Amino acid sequence: MVQKDSALNKLITDIIMLKQEMMALGMQYGLNDERTVECSQQLDDLLNKHSEMVQQEPCFMTI
């Protein structure tokens, strides 16, 4: 269980960092720029992983 908590905490940290990066890219290059879109797709992947983890273990915290 501790390992899963650690994995979830890392995933949440990665989501927060990638979200900040995507917002910075969007402000600098625009929302339709390929760098912003690619970052957004990476964020989608992480959010999907988070959703899967939470569904498997309902006791996990949500973001």
Protein backbone atom coordinates (compact mmCIF):
# COMPACT_ATOMS: atom_id res chain seq x y z
CA MET A 1 0.00 0.00 0.00
CA VAL A 2 2.85 2.41 0.80
CA GLN A 3 4.32 1.82 -2.66
CA LYS A 4 0.97 2.66 -4.27
CA ASP A 5 0.67 5.81 -2.16
CA SER A 6 4.15 6.83 -3.23
CA ALA A 7 3.34 6.17 -6.88
CA LEU A 8 0.16 8.22 -6.60
CA ASN A 9 1.97 11.10 -4.91
CA LYS A 10 4.58 11.13 -7.68
CA LEU A 11 1.85 11.03 -10.31
CA ILE A 12 0.05 13.98 -8.71
CA THR A 13 3.32 15.93 -8.54
CA ASP A 14 3.97 15.17 -12.21
CA ILE A 15 0.44 16.31 -13.11
CA ILE A 16 0.88 19.61 -11.29
CA MET A 17 4.26 20.28 -12.89
CA LEU A 18 3.05 19.39 -16.39
CA LYS A 19 -0.03 21.56 -15.95
CA GLN A 20 2.17 24.52 -15.03
CA GLU A 21 4.41 23.83 -18.03
CA MET A 22 1.41 23.62 -20.35
CA MET A 23 0.04 26.92 -19.07
CA ALA A 24 3.42 28.60 -19.59
CA LEU A 25 3.69 27.18 -23.11
CA GLY A 26 0.17 28.32 -23.91
CA MET A 27 0.88 31.85 -22.74
CA GLN A 28 4.20 32.03 -24.58
CA TYR A 29 3.35 30.27 -27.86
CA GLY A 30 -0.46 30.10 -27.96
CA LEU A 31 -2.92 27.33 -27.34
CA ASN A 32 -2.70 25.88 -30.85
CA ASP A 33 1.09 25.65 -30.93
CA GLU A 34 2.34 22.08 -31.31
CA ARG A 35 4.42 22.34 -28.10
CA THR A 36 1.34 23.32 -26.09
CA VAL A 37 -0.80 20.63 -27.73
CA GLU A 38 1.84 17.95 -27.12
CA CYS A 39 2.15 18.97 -23.48
CA SER A 40 -1.65 18.89 -23.17
CA GLN A 41 -1.72 15.35 -24.58
CA GLN A 42 0.94 14.26 -22.08
CA LEU A 43 -1.15 15.80 -19.30
CA ASP A 44 -4.21 13.91 -20.56
CA ASP A 45 -2.24 10.66 -20.34
CA LEU A 46 -1.21 11.37 -16.75
CA LEU A 47 -4.77 12.33 -15.79
CA ASN A 48 -6.04 9.06 -17.32
CA LYS A 49 -3.46 7.11 -15.28
CA HIS A 50 -4.57 8.94 -12.16
CA SER A 51 -8.21 8.13 -12.88
CA GLU A 52 -7.37 4.45 -13.35
CA MET A 53 -5.44 4.34 -10.08
CA VAL A 54 -8.25 6.00 -8.14
CA GLN A 55 -10.84 3.64 -9.62
CA GLN A 56 -8.75 0.63 -8.60
CA GLU A 57 -8.23 1.94 -5.05
CA PRO A 58 -11.12 4.21 -4.01
CA CYS A 59 -9.30 5.19 -0.81
CA PHE A 60 -6.76 7.22 -2.84
CA MET A 61 -7.13 10.97 -2.72
CA THR A 62 -8.33 12.79 -5.79
CA ILE A 63 -7.09 15.96 -7.43
